[in-house]
């Protein structure tokens, strides 16, 4: 028999960026909030002088224990899915702050095109441009409607940047100036301008200068140590939930965080959520937390899995194309790239920051004519200086032996002479790309794992080749001694790291028949249940997802506050 606790106004499941924003905004509005986090407590003190690449980057200390819970994967429905036993394609964070602790800090706004992708594509190119099996849809909100929430997220996090000449209109400048421009960034920018492109400094959650946000949270500037991705920031210079929104919620006295609390089910009756059932993993005790409003704020896979296990919403069926929970899983196309080896210049590539770099959007979204191309959308092209750490960075020209005297000589020669220009391509959903519960494999509690069915399509291969060619154009203009580029995109495989940019499964929209949540991320089928995260993305853009996730979280918080006063479906 589960121990039943007193009811709270709101319970949130997962205390990362989405959970932290919801807690901060709702407690400021006077609501009592309980945050359930299955991982451990974290503070900046945990990372003081811990630049340990082996511990964090290779042994994944901040990540989920795959021996207790993982995902299963298959490329199509004809084969059996198998568990991901060791980390590869993406990383699953765990603990207070979630993936917001170990991210790089690259903070983009999705383009206006993204939010109305189907209608704008059909308007410009006709309905035949979209393949029959591609399930893109408008998001039920426009960029202009979401812009104030982008602004709120950027001001809270202190995003450093400059205006993107090809991005959506802004209501105000970035709250802090762009990061420094390194010699390699300048070389990229000069080459791009010669090609009549529009480079701009990458928007960054690594602070360029000291900053105090509207909530009164003060943070120090980035020290360019090069330990961002897969690491926590010892200075608090990288915006993360632990140093921004969570302290604000705690200060109200209305936010209680319970770590090591593994939520197993969302409880519901009569079409409404009544609370959650979770296990205290330190004692094994089962606990019921009643609440007036339940907010799911976990990672993509956790959000989908918990809804399916709780039997909330109609599961997606790829055969009929009906159902919504698990629909439109998408990833990212990361293979379009080129790199140059430079004998005439040496760069301090060991120094850097997770979001130190230059970008351009000339080939992103619908900023270029797709009439004669066999794909839609595009990708953001960047050169970054994230910091070349000693173990994982040892790039040598193709044809170099993998070991021995020549390998050592080439490694030393090019340690600080290799510059990579990469394209991050958008990922479109297809009818047979989805998430569901695995019928065979279970977690440590005996509950089914979430199963991914996904592979790259011709859309992705064409896009990757296009981006690789554009990256090659830029690198060639940069004047390398030796140049290499991607030749083709093969099948998707889960063994090699690509990006932790998984999206979809609980997508937003304006029609309950094709979406799980409305534009406040409120479940159509259960009005007091909100599902917040990149799970709401109806496709994935050519950007990192966090900026858009943050904007949607601020909008959802506004919706939950309104719902707590009057109830009902908000849209």
Protein backbone atom coordinates (compact mmCIF):
# COMPACT_ATOMS: atom_id res chain seq x y z
CA UNK A 1 0.00 0.00 0.00
CA UNK A 2 1.50 3.32 -1.08
CA UNK A 3 1.98 6.06 1.50
CA UNK A 4 -0.33 8.97 0.63
CA UNK A 5 0.90 12.52 1.24
CA UNK A 6 -1.10 15.78 1.58
CA UNK A 7 -2.22 17.33 -1.70
CA UNK A 8 -0.20 20.11 -3.32
CA UNK A 9 -1.28 22.66 -5.92
CA UNK A 10 1.16 21.41 -8.54
CA UNK A 11 3.50 18.44 -8.86
CA UNK A 12 6.21 18.49 -11.54
CA UNK A 13 7.97 15.37 -12.80
CA UNK A 14 11.61 16.15 -13.63
CA UNK A 15 13.47 19.24 -12.44
CA UNK A 16 15.53 20.39 -15.42
CA UNK A 17 15.02 23.48 -17.57
CA UNK A 18 11.29 22.94 -18.08
CA UNK A 19 10.65 21.91 -14.48
CA UNK A 20 12.76 24.72 -13.08
CA UNK A 21 10.98 27.37 -15.15
CA UNK A 22 7.55 26.02 -14.20
CA UNK A 23 8.50 25.94 -10.51
CA UNK A 24 9.93 29.46 -10.59
CA UNK A 25 6.98 31.04 -12.38
CA UNK A 26 4.23 29.24 -10.48
CA UNK A 27 5.70 29.77 -7.01
CA UNK A 28 6.09 33.49 -7.82
CA UNK A 29 2.34 33.34 -8.56
CA UNK A 30 1.65 31.93 -5.09
CA UNK A 31 1.17 28.26 -5.97
CA UNK A 32 2.71 25.47 -3.91
CA UNK A 33 4.84 23.16 -6.03
CA UNK A 34 6.47 19.78 -5.37
CA UNK A 35 9.27 18.83 -7.75
CA UNK A 36 10.08 15.14 -8.12
CA UNK A 37 13.57 14.43 -9.50
CA UNK A 38 14.71 10.84 -9.84
CA UNK A 39 18.39 11.77 -9.76
CA UNK A 40 20.58 13.38 -7.11
CA UNK A 41 20.96 16.92 -5.77
CA UNK A 42 23.56 19.12 -7.49
CA UNK A 43 25.32 22.42 -6.80
CA UNK A 44 28.13 24.35 -8.52
CA UNK A 45 30.45 23.31 -5.69
CA UNK A 46 30.35 19.77 -7.09
CA UNK A 47 32.43 20.94 -10.08
CA UNK A 48 35.10 23.10 -8.45
CA UNK A 49 38.28 22.40 -10.45
CA UNK A 50 36.93 19.08 -11.71
CA UNK A 51 38.08 19.28 -15.33
CA UNK A 52 38.07 15.49 -15.57
CA UNK A 53 37.44 14.41 -19.14
CA UNK A 54 37.65 10.71 -18.30
CA UNK A 55 35.12 10.98 -15.49
CA UNK A 56 32.49 13.10 -17.22
CA UNK A 57 33.00 12.91 -20.99
CA UNK A 58 33.96 9.23 -21.27
CA UNK A 59 32.46 7.61 -18.17
CA UNK A 60 29.29 9.75 -18.24
CA UNK A 61 29.00 10.58 -14.55
CA UNK A 62 26.12 13.04 -15.13
CA UNK A 63 24.13 10.57 -17.21
CA UNK A 64 21.45 7.98 -16.58
CA UNK A 65 22.59 4.49 -15.54
CA UNK A 66 21.78 2.35 -18.58
CA UNK A 67 21.96 -0.86 -16.56
CA UNK A 68 18.80 0.22 -14.71
CA UNK A 69 16.90 1.98 -17.49
CA UNK A 70 17.65 2.51 -21.15
CA UNK A 71 15.85 2.67 -24.50
CA UNK A 72 15.50 0.05 -27.21
CA UNK A 73 16.08 0.82 -30.86
CA UNK A 74 15.22 -0.57 -34.27
CA UNK A 75 15.54 0.99 -37.71
CA UNK A 76 12.19 -0.38 -38.93
CA UNK A 77 9.21 -2.41 -37.78
CA UNK A 78 10.38 -5.63 -39.43
CA UNK A 79 13.23 -6.19 -36.99
CA UNK A 80 13.43 -6.68 -33.24
CA UNK A 81 14.54 -3.70 -31.16
CA UNK A 82 17.56 -4.15 -28.90
CA UNK A 83 18.58 -2.18 -25.81
CA UNK A 84 21.18 0.58 -25.90
CA UNK A 85 23.72 -0.98 -23.51
CA UNK A 86 26.33 1.79 -23.68
CA UNK A 87 26.18 5.44 -24.65
CA UNK A 88 26.51 6.36 -28.30
CA UNK A 89 24.18 8.47 -30.45
CA UNK A 90 22.81 10.61 -27.61
CA UNK A 91 23.21 11.10 -23.86
CA UNK A 92 20.46 10.90 -21.24
CA UNK A 93 21.09 13.22 -18.32
CA UNK A 94 19.92 12.57 -14.78
CA UNK A 95 19.91 14.57 -11.57
CA UNK A 96 18.82 18.02 -10.52
CA UNK A 97 19.02 20.36 -13.51
CA UNK A 98 18.84 17.46 -15.99
CA UNK A 99 20.43 17.98 -19.39
CA UNK A 100 20.49 21.71 -18.58
CA UNK A 101 23.60 21.00 -16.46
CA UNK A 102 25.70 19.23 -19.09
CA UNK A 103 24.64 21.13 -22.22
CA UNK A 104 26.90 23.37 -24.31
CA UNK A 105 24.80 26.51 -24.00
CA UNK A 106 23.94 27.01 -27.69
CA UNK A 107 20.64 28.93 -27.52
CA UNK A 108 18.83 29.50 -30.81
CA UNK A 109 15.29 30.53 -31.65
CA UNK A 110 13.55 28.33 -34.18
CA UNK A 111 12.72 30.24 -37.37
CA UNK A 112 9.23 31.62 -38.14
CA UNK A 113 9.06 29.01 -40.90
CA UNK A 114 9.30 26.18 -38.36
CA UNK A 115 6.07 26.96 -36.58
CA UNK A 116 4.01 27.05 -39.80
CA UNK A 117 6.09 24.58 -41.78
CA UNK A 118 3.35 22.71 -43.59
CA UNK A 119 1.26 25.70 -44.62
CA UNK A 120 4.28 27.79 -45.69
CA UNK A 121 5.85 24.91 -47.63
CA UNK A 122 2.61 24.22 -49.49
CA UNK A 123 2.08 27.93 -50.11
CA UNK A 124 5.48 28.37 -51.78
CA UNK A 125 6.02 25.01 -53.49
CA UNK A 126 2.65 23.27 -53.62
CA UNK A 127 1.40 20.16 -51.80
CA UNK A 128 3.45 17.80 -53.94
CA UNK A 129 6.67 19.11 -52.38
CA UNK A 130 5.89 17.17 -49.21
CA UNK A 131 6.29 13.37 -49.48
CA UNK A 132 3.16 11.38 -48.64
CA UNK A 133 4.88 9.65 -45.70
CA UNK A 134 6.24 12.89 -44.20
CA UNK A 135 3.97 13.93 -41.31
CA UNK A 136 4.95 17.57 -40.84
CA UNK A 137 2.28 19.88 -39.43
CA UNK A 138 1.94 23.42 -38.16
CA UNK A 139 2.54 23.80 -34.44
CA UNK A 140 -0.63 25.68 -33.52
CA UNK A 141 1.36 28.80 -32.68
CA UNK A 142 3.33 31.35 -34.69
CA UNK A 143 6.79 32.75 -34.09
CA UNK A 144 5.30 36.17 -33.35
CA UNK A 145 3.05 34.68 -30.68
CA UNK A 146 5.98 32.87 -29.09
CA UNK A 147 8.49 35.74 -29.38
CA UNK A 148 7.77 37.31 -25.94
CA UNK A 149 8.53 33.97 -24.32
CA UNK A 150 11.82 33.63 -26.21
CA UNK A 151 12.65 37.06 -24.85
CA UNK A 152 11.77 36.01 -21.29
CA UNK A 153 13.97 32.91 -21.48
CA UNK A 154 16.94 34.82 -22.90
CA UNK A 155 16.72 37.52 -20.22
CA UNK A 156 16.48 34.95 -17.45
CA UNK A 157 19.51 33.05 -18.79
CA UNK A 158 21.49 36.16 -19.80
CA UNK A 159 22.04 34.94 -23.35
CA UNK A 160 25.01 36.59 -25.05
CA UNK A 161 24.66 37.30 -28.74
CA UNK A 162 24.05 39.56 -31.69
CA UNK A 163 21.10 39.75 -34.06
CA UNK A 164 20.76 37.02 -36.64
CA UNK A 165 20.24 38.83 -39.97
CA UNK A 166 18.10 35.95 -41.28
CA UNK A 167 16.22 35.10 -38.08
CA UNK A 168 12.82 36.15 -36.77
CA UNK A 169 12.24 39.69 -35.56
CA UNK A 170 13.23 40.45 -31.98
CA UNK A 171 11.41 42.67 -29.49
CA UNK A 172 14.70 43.55 -27.76
CA UNK A 173 18.44 42.91 -28.14
CA UNK A 174 20.20 40.06 -26.38
CA UNK A 175 20.70 40.96 -22.70
CA UNK A 176 24.49 40.59 -22.89
CA UNK A 177 27.02 41.25 -25.70
CA UNK A 178 28.32 38.45 -27.94
CA UNK A 179 31.27 36.36 -26.81
CA UNK A 180 34.78 37.16 -27.99
CA UNK A 181 35.68 36.52 -31.62
CA UNK A 182 38.65 34.18 -31.91
CA UNK A 183 41.03 34.12 -34.91
CA UNK A 184 39.42 30.94 -36.24
CA UNK A 185 35.95 32.49 -35.96
CA UNK A 186 37.20 35.52 -37.86
CA UNK A 187 38.65 33.31 -40.58
CA UNK A 188 35.26 31.62 -40.98
CA UNK A 189 33.36 34.94 -40.97
CA UNK A 190 35.67 36.51 -43.56
CA UNK A 191 35.30 33.51 -45.86
CA UNK A 192 31.52 33.46 -45.46
CA UNK A 193 31.23 37.16 -46.28
CA UNK A 194 33.31 36.67 -49.45
CA UNK A 195 30.65 34.13 -50.48
CA UNK A 196 27.92 36.72 -49.81
CA UNK A 197 26.68 34.83 -46.75
CA UNK A 198 25.51 36.31 -43.43
CA UNK A 199 27.60 35.08 -40.46
CA UNK A 200 26.80 36.08 -36.89
CA UNK A 201 28.17 35.22 -33.45
CA UNK A 202 26.46 32.16 -32.02
CA UNK A 203 23.96 32.98 -29.23
CA UNK A 204 25.40 31.70 -26.00
CA UNK A 205 24.28 30.76 -22.50
CA UNK A 206 27.97 31.02 -21.54
CA UNK A 207 27.94 34.59 -20.21
CA UNK A 208 30.17 37.08 -22.03
CA UNK A 209 30.07 39.43 -19.05
CA UNK A 210 28.78 39.54 -15.48
CA UNK A 211 25.00 39.69 -15.46
CA UNK A 212 22.06 40.08 -13.08
CA UNK A 213 18.76 38.83 -14.48
CA UNK A 214 15.21 40.17 -13.86
CA UNK A 215 14.81 37.78 -10.91
CA UNK A 216 17.89 39.28 -9.24
CA UNK A 217 20.16 36.28 -9.90
CA UNK A 218 23.77 37.42 -10.47
CA UNK A 219 26.31 35.29 -12.31
CA UNK A 220 29.97 35.60 -13.28
CA UNK A 221 31.29 35.63 -16.87
CA UNK A 222 32.69 32.64 -18.77
CA UNK A 223 36.39 31.83 -18.26
CA UNK A 224 36.70 29.97 -21.62
CA UNK A 225 37.99 26.83 -19.92
CA UNK A 226 36.59 24.53 -22.63
CA UNK A 227 34.72 22.20 -20.25
CA UNK A 228 31.02 22.74 -21.04
CA UNK A 229 29.45 19.82 -22.85
CA UNK A 230 29.08 16.80 -20.52
CA UNK A 231 30.31 18.95 -17.61
CA UNK A 232 28.76 21.15 -14.96
CA UNK A 233 30.05 24.75 -14.80
CA UNK A 234 32.01 25.55 -11.66
CA UNK A 235 31.58 29.30 -12.14
CA UNK A 236 27.84 29.31 -12.84
CA UNK A 237 28.75 31.19 -16.02
CA UNK A 238 26.87 28.65 -18.13
CA UNK A 239 23.17 29.18 -17.52
CA UNK A 240 21.62 26.07 -16.06
CA UNK A 241 18.50 25.50 -13.93
CA UNK A 242 20.50 25.01 -10.73
CA UNK A 243 21.95 28.55 -10.84
CA UNK A 244 19.00 30.41 -12.38
CA UNK A 245 15.38 29.34 -11.93
CA UNK A 246 15.57 26.74 -9.15
CA UNK A 247 17.00 29.21 -6.55
CA UNK A 248 14.19 31.65 -7.39
CA UNK A 249 11.56 28.97 -6.75
CA UNK A 250 13.25 27.91 -3.50
CA UNK A 251 13.38 31.49 -2.24
CA UNK A 252 9.57 31.75 -2.32
CA UNK A 253 9.27 29.02 0.30
CA UNK A 254 6.66 27.32 -1.86
CA UNK A 255 8.89 24.85 -3.72
CA UNK A 256 9.88 21.47 -2.33
CA UNK A 257 12.37 19.34 -4.26
CA UNK A 258 12.45 15.61 -3.61
CA UNK A 259 15.43 13.93 -5.23
CA UNK A 260 15.78 10.16 -5.75
CA UNK A 261 12.04 10.12 -6.48
CA UNK A 262 11.28 7.87 -9.44
CA UNK A 263 7.79 8.52 -10.82
CA UNK A 264 6.14 5.30 -12.01
CA UNK A 265 2.63 6.42 -12.94
CA UNK A 266 0.41 9.45 -13.34
CA UNK A 267 -2.76 8.74 -11.37
CA UNK A 268 -6.07 9.76 -12.89
CA UNK A 269 -9.81 9.20 -12.68
CA UNK A 270 -12.80 10.62 -14.49
CA UNK A 271 -10.66 12.22 -17.18
CA UNK A 272 -8.50 14.22 -14.76
CA UNK A 273 -5.11 13.65 -13.18
CA UNK A 274 -5.21 13.22 -9.41
CA UNK A 275 -1.48 12.99 -8.69
CA UNK A 276 1.47 10.69 -9.19
CA UNK A 277 2.82 7.45 -7.80
CA UNK A 278 6.57 7.34 -7.24
CA UNK A 279 9.20 5.20 -5.58
CA UNK A 280 11.77 6.64 -3.18
CA UNK A 281 14.79 4.82 -4.59
CA UNK A 282 16.79 5.29 -1.37
CA UNK A 283 14.24 3.30 0.68
CA UNK A 284 12.12 1.46 -1.90
CA UNK A 285 8.96 2.98 -0.43
CA UNK A 286 6.04 3.70 -2.76
CA UNK A 287 4.51 7.14 -2.29
CA UNK A 288 1.41 8.82 -3.70
CA UNK A 289 1.57 12.59 -4.19
CA UNK A 290 -1.89 14.07 -4.91
CA UNK A 291 -2.04 17.37 -6.80
CA UNK A 292 -4.54 19.67 -8.47
CA UNK A 293 -2.27 19.99 -11.51
CA UNK A 294 0.31 17.49 -12.79
CA UNK A 295 3.12 18.76 -15.01
CA UNK A 296 5.35 16.35 -16.91
CA UNK A 297 8.70 18.09 -17.47
CA UNK A 298 11.03 15.22 -18.30
CA UNK A 299 13.16 14.34 -21.30
CA UNK A 300 11.43 13.26 -24.53
CA UNK A 301 11.59 9.52 -23.81
CA UNK A 302 10.48 9.89 -20.19
CA UNK A 303 7.47 12.03 -21.08
CA UNK A 304 6.24 9.62 -23.74
CA UNK A 305 6.91 6.51 -21.68
CA UNK A 306 5.11 7.78 -18.59
CA UNK A 307 2.01 8.74 -20.59
CA UNK A 308 1.90 5.34 -22.28
CA UNK A 309 2.44 3.43 -19.02
CA UNK A 310 -0.26 5.55 -17.35
CA UNK A 311 -2.67 4.91 -20.25
CA UNK A 312 -3.19 8.62 -20.96
CA UNK A 313 -3.84 9.77 -24.53
CA UNK A 314 -4.28 7.58 -27.59
CA UNK A 315 -1.08 5.72 -28.55
CA UNK A 316 0.15 6.39 -32.07
CA UNK A 317 -0.49 3.64 -34.62
CA UNK A 318 1.77 3.91 -37.70
CA UNK A 319 -0.36 1.46 -39.70
CA UNK A 320 -3.45 3.67 -39.59
CA UNK A 321 -1.68 6.96 -38.88
CA UNK A 322 -4.06 7.55 -35.97
CA UNK A 323 -3.28 8.30 -32.34
CA UNK A 324 -0.95 10.94 -30.98
CA UNK A 325 1.26 9.72 -28.11
CA UNK A 326 4.57 8.59 -29.62
CA UNK A 327 3.97 10.33 -32.96
CA UNK A 328 6.54 12.36 -34.94
CA UNK A 329 9.73 11.27 -33.25
CA UNK A 330 12.57 13.23 -34.87
CA UNK A 331 16.31 13.61 -34.36
CA UNK A 332 18.94 15.69 -36.19
CA UNK A 333 21.07 15.42 -39.33
CA UNK A 334 24.63 16.05 -38.15
CA UNK A 335 26.76 14.53 -40.92
CA UNK A 336 26.94 17.48 -43.32
CA UNK A 337 30.39 18.93 -42.62
CA UNK A 338 33.87 19.75 -43.92
CA UNK A 339 37.21 20.42 -42.27
CA UNK A 340 40.47 22.04 -43.17
CA UNK A 341 44.02 21.31 -42.03
CA UNK A 342 46.07 24.53 -41.96
CA UNK A 343 49.86 24.59 -42.24
CA UNK A 344 49.94 28.40 -42.32
CA UNK A 345 48.25 29.12 -38.97
CA UNK A 346 47.99 27.80 -35.45
CA UNK A 347 45.05 28.39 -33.10
CA UNK A 348 44.54 28.04 -29.35
CA UNK A 349 41.90 25.36 -29.81
CA UNK A 350 42.34 23.97 -26.30
CA UNK A 351 40.54 27.07 -24.97
CA UNK A 352 36.90 27.72 -25.68
CA UNK A 353 33.33 27.50 -24.49
CA UNK A 354 30.33 25.37 -25.37
CA UNK A 355 28.70 28.12 -27.40
CA UNK A 356 31.74 30.00 -28.68
CA UNK A 357 31.46 30.15 -32.44
CA UNK A 358 30.08 31.69 -35.62
CA UNK A 359 26.86 30.67 -37.39
CA UNK A 360 24.98 31.40 -40.56
CA UNK A 361 21.40 30.66 -41.60
CA UNK A 362 21.56 31.20 -45.36
CA UNK A 363 20.80 27.48 -45.79
CA UNK A 364 18.43 27.02 -42.86
CA UNK A 365 14.64 26.77 -42.88
CA UNK A 366 13.25 28.17 -46.11
CA UNK A 367 15.82 30.98 -46.39
CA UNK A 368 16.80 29.61 -49.83
CA UNK A 369 14.90 28.29 -52.82
CA UNK A 370 14.07 24.58 -52.61
CA UNK A 371 12.27 24.38 -55.97
CA UNK A 372 14.91 22.18 -57.61
CA UNK A 373 15.97 20.36 -54.45
CA UNK A 374 14.72 16.97 -53.23
CA UNK A 375 14.29 18.01 -49.62
CA UNK A 376 12.65 20.69 -47.50
CA UNK A 377 14.10 22.80 -44.67
CA UNK A 378 17.88 22.99 -44.16
CA UNK A 379 20.40 23.55 -41.41
CA UNK A 380 22.44 26.00 -39.40
CA UNK A 381 26.13 26.08 -40.41
CA UNK A 382 28.72 26.79 -37.72
CA UNK A 383 32.35 26.89 -36.75
CA UNK A 384 32.76 26.44 -33.00
CA UNK A 385 35.62 26.73 -30.51
CA UNK A 386 34.24 24.49 -27.78
CA UNK A 387 37.67 23.52 -26.43
CA UNK A 388 39.82 20.66 -27.70
CA UNK A 389 40.13 18.38 -24.67
CA UNK A 390 43.10 15.99 -24.71
CA UNK A 391 41.47 12.54 -24.92
CA UNK A 392 38.67 12.88 -27.45
CA UNK A 393 40.28 15.33 -29.86
CA UNK A 394 43.02 13.92 -32.04
CA UNK A 395 42.11 14.73 -35.64
CA UNK A 396 44.56 13.80 -38.40
CA UNK A 397 44.19 13.77 -42.22
CA UNK A 398 42.62 10.72 -43.85
CA UNK A 399 45.13 8.06 -44.77
CA UNK A 400 47.21 8.61 -41.63
CA UNK A 401 47.94 5.32 -39.82
CA UNK A 402 45.91 4.78 -36.66
CA UNK A 403 49.05 4.32 -34.54
CA UNK A 404 52.82 4.55 -34.72
CA UNK A 405 55.40 7.19 -35.57
CA UNK A 406 53.49 8.89 -38.40
CA UNK A 407 50.28 9.01 -36.37
CA UNK A 408 52.12 10.72 -33.50
CA UNK A 409 53.81 13.19 -35.81
CA UNK A 410 50.56 14.16 -37.54
CA UNK A 411 48.74 14.39 -34.20
CA UNK A 412 51.28 16.86 -32.89
CA UNK A 413 51.42 18.82 -36.13
CA UNK A 414 47.66 19.35 -36.39
CA UNK A 415 46.71 19.53 -32.71
CA UNK A 416 45.82 23.22 -33.09
CA UNK A 417 45.56 23.47 -36.89
CA UNK A 418 42.25 21.73 -37.72
CA UNK A 419 39.08 23.76 -38.21
CA UNK A 420 35.72 22.11 -38.79
CA UNK A 421 32.65 23.71 -40.35
CA UNK A 422 29.52 21.73 -39.60
CA UNK A 423 25.93 21.76 -40.75
CA UNK A 424 23.23 20.83 -38.26
CA UNK A 425 20.32 19.70 -40.38
CA UNK A 426 16.63 19.66 -39.53
CA UNK A 427 14.88 16.34 -39.01
CA UNK A 428 11.45 15.82 -40.55
CA UNK A 429 9.00 13.29 -39.09
CA UNK A 430 7.77 10.33 -41.10
CA UNK A 431 4.81 8.07 -40.56
CA UNK A 432 6.99 5.12 -39.55
CA UNK A 433 9.19 7.08 -37.10
CA UNK A 434 7.70 6.84 -33.62
CA UNK A 435 8.03 5.88 -29.96
CA UNK A 436 6.15 3.13 -28.14
CA UNK A 437 6.61 0.66 -25.28
CA UNK A 438 8.92 -2.26 -25.92
CA UNK A 439 7.05 -5.58 -25.55
CA UNK A 440 10.13 -7.46 -24.32
CA UNK A 441 12.60 -5.35 -22.36
CA UNK A 442 11.89 -3.82 -18.95
CA UNK A 443 13.61 -1.53 -16.46
CA UNK A 444 14.77 -2.31 -12.91
CA UNK A 445 11.17 -1.92 -11.66
CA UNK A 446 9.76 -4.31 -14.23
CA UNK A 447 8.18 -1.57 -16.36
CA UNK A 448 8.57 -1.64 -20.19
CA UNK A 449 11.30 0.43 -21.80
CA UNK A 450 10.52 3.00 -24.47
CA UNK A 451 11.24 1.81 -28.01
CA UNK A 452 12.52 3.99 -30.88
CA UNK A 453 11.70 3.13 -34.48
CA UNK A 454 13.74 5.45 -36.70
CA UNK A 455 16.12 5.65 -39.64
CA UNK A 456 17.44 8.34 -41.97
CA UNK A 457 15.35 8.91 -45.11
CA UNK A 458 16.18 10.17 -48.60
CA UNK A 459 15.17 13.62 -47.29
CA UNK A 460 18.02 13.39 -44.77
CA UNK A 461 20.57 12.06 -47.25
CA UNK A 462 19.85 14.84 -49.74
CA UNK A 463 19.97 17.49 -46.99
CA UNK A 464 23.23 16.14 -45.54
CA UNK A 465 24.93 16.16 -48.94
CA UNK A 466 23.71 19.69 -49.64
CA UNK A 467 25.00 20.98 -46.30
CA UNK A 468 28.32 19.16 -46.75
CA UNK A 469 28.77 20.89 -50.12
CA UNK A 470 27.99 24.30 -48.61
CA UNK A 471 30.41 23.66 -45.73
CA UNK A 472 33.04 22.63 -48.28
CA UNK A 473 32.55 25.91 -50.13
CA UNK A 474 33.27 27.84 -46.93
CA UNK A 475 36.28 25.77 -45.87
CA UNK A 476 37.75 26.06 -49.37
CA UNK A 477 37.39 29.86 -49.14
CA UNK A 478 39.23 29.71 -45.78
CA UNK A 479 42.33 28.45 -47.64
CA UNK A 480 43.32 25.17 -45.98
CA UNK A 481 46.38 23.11 -46.89
CA UNK A 482 44.29 19.92 -46.91
CA UNK A 483 40.50 19.74 -47.01
CA UNK A 484 38.09 16.87 -46.32
CA UNK A 485 34.30 16.60 -46.35
CA UNK A 486 31.51 14.11 -45.81
CA UNK A 487 30.72 12.01 -48.87
CA UNK A 488 27.32 10.58 -48.01
CA UNK A 489 24.95 9.89 -45.13
CA UNK A 490 24.57 6.22 -44.29
CA UNK A 491 21.84 4.52 -42.25
CA UNK A 492 21.20 5.84 -38.75
CA UNK A 493 23.17 3.94 -36.14
CA UNK A 494 23.02 4.27 -32.40
CA UNK A 495 26.66 3.49 -31.53
CA UNK A 496 28.32 6.81 -32.45
CA UNK A 497 27.57 10.11 -30.71
CA UNK A 498 25.69 12.56 -32.94
CA UNK A 499 23.57 14.88 -30.77
CA UNK A 500 21.27 14.82 -27.77
CA UNK A 501 18.54 16.56 -29.74
CA UNK A 502 15.71 14.04 -29.62
CA UNK A 503 12.26 15.54 -30.19
CA UNK A 504 8.59 14.68 -30.59
CA UNK A 505 6.22 12.08 -29.20
CA UNK A 506 3.82 14.42 -27.38
CA UNK A 507 3.49 17.01 -30.12
CA UNK A 508 1.62 20.29 -30.04
CA UNK A 509 -0.92 21.53 -32.54
CA UNK A 510 -4.38 22.98 -33.04
CA UNK A 511 -6.24 19.69 -33.67
CA UNK A 512 -6.73 16.99 -30.99
CA UNK A 513 -6.81 14.36 -33.75
CA UNK A 514 -3.24 15.11 -34.83
CA UNK A 515 -1.62 16.50 -31.66
CA UNK A 516 -1.41 15.52 -28.00
CA UNK A 517 -1.18 19.01 -26.46
CA UNK A 518 -2.35 22.50 -27.36
CA UNK A 519 -0.15 25.58 -27.62
CA UNK A 520 0.00 25.89 -23.81
CA UNK A 521 1.21 22.25 -23.78
CA UNK A 522 -2.00 21.23 -22.02
CA UNK A 523 -3.19 17.69 -22.82
CA UNK A 524 -6.28 17.73 -24.98
CA UNK A 525 -7.47 14.57 -23.21
CA UNK A 526 -6.76 15.67 -19.63
CA UNK A 527 -7.07 19.37 -18.90
CA UNK A 528 -5.08 19.42 -15.64
CA UNK A 529 -2.08 17.59 -17.16
CA UNK A 530 0.61 19.61 -18.96
CA UNK A 531 3.48 17.94 -20.85
CA UNK A 532 6.45 20.23 -21.39
CA UNK A 533 9.69 19.66 -23.23
CA UNK A 534 11.09 18.96 -26.69
CA UNK A 535 8.52 16.15 -26.80
CA UNK A 536 6.14 18.92 -27.97
CA UNK A 537 8.14 19.65 -31.15
CA UNK A 538 6.21 18.50 -34.23
CA UNK A 539 9.56 18.27 -36.10
CA UNK A 540 13.13 19.25 -35.30
CA UNK A 541 14.70 22.38 -36.78
CA UNK A 542 18.27 23.04 -37.88
CA UNK A 543 19.15 24.25 -34.38
CA UNK A 544 19.79 23.09 -30.85
CA UNK A 545 16.38 22.78 -29.15
CA UNK A 546 16.89 24.47 -25.76
CA UNK A 547 15.95 28.05 -26.64
CA UNK A 548 12.62 26.94 -28.10
CA UNK A 549 12.02 24.54 -25.22
CA UNK A 550 12.62 27.44 -22.81
CA UNK A 551 10.17 29.71 -24.63
CA UNK A 552 7.48 27.03 -24.63
CA UNK A 553 8.08 26.46 -20.92
CA UNK A 554 7.45 30.12 -20.12
CA UNK A 555 4.25 30.05 -22.16
CA UNK A 556 3.13 26.83 -20.46
CA UNK A 557 3.77 28.39 -17.04
CA UNK A 558 1.49 31.26 -17.99
CA UNK A 559 -1.17 28.76 -19.04
CA UNK A 560 -0.90 26.69 -15.86
CA UNK A 561 -1.24 29.83 -13.73
CA UNK A 562 -4.38 30.78 -15.65
CA UNK A 563 -5.76 27.23 -15.42
CA UNK A 564 -5.27 27.15 -11.65
CA UNK A 565 -7.67 30.08 -11.36
CA UNK A 566 -10.45 29.09 -13.74
CA UNK A 567 -9.90 25.57 -15.08
CA UNK A 568 -10.92 24.36 -18.52
CA UNK A 569 -9.14 23.91 -21.84
CA UNK A 570 -7.09 27.04 -22.49
CA UNK A 571 -7.33 26.98 -26.29
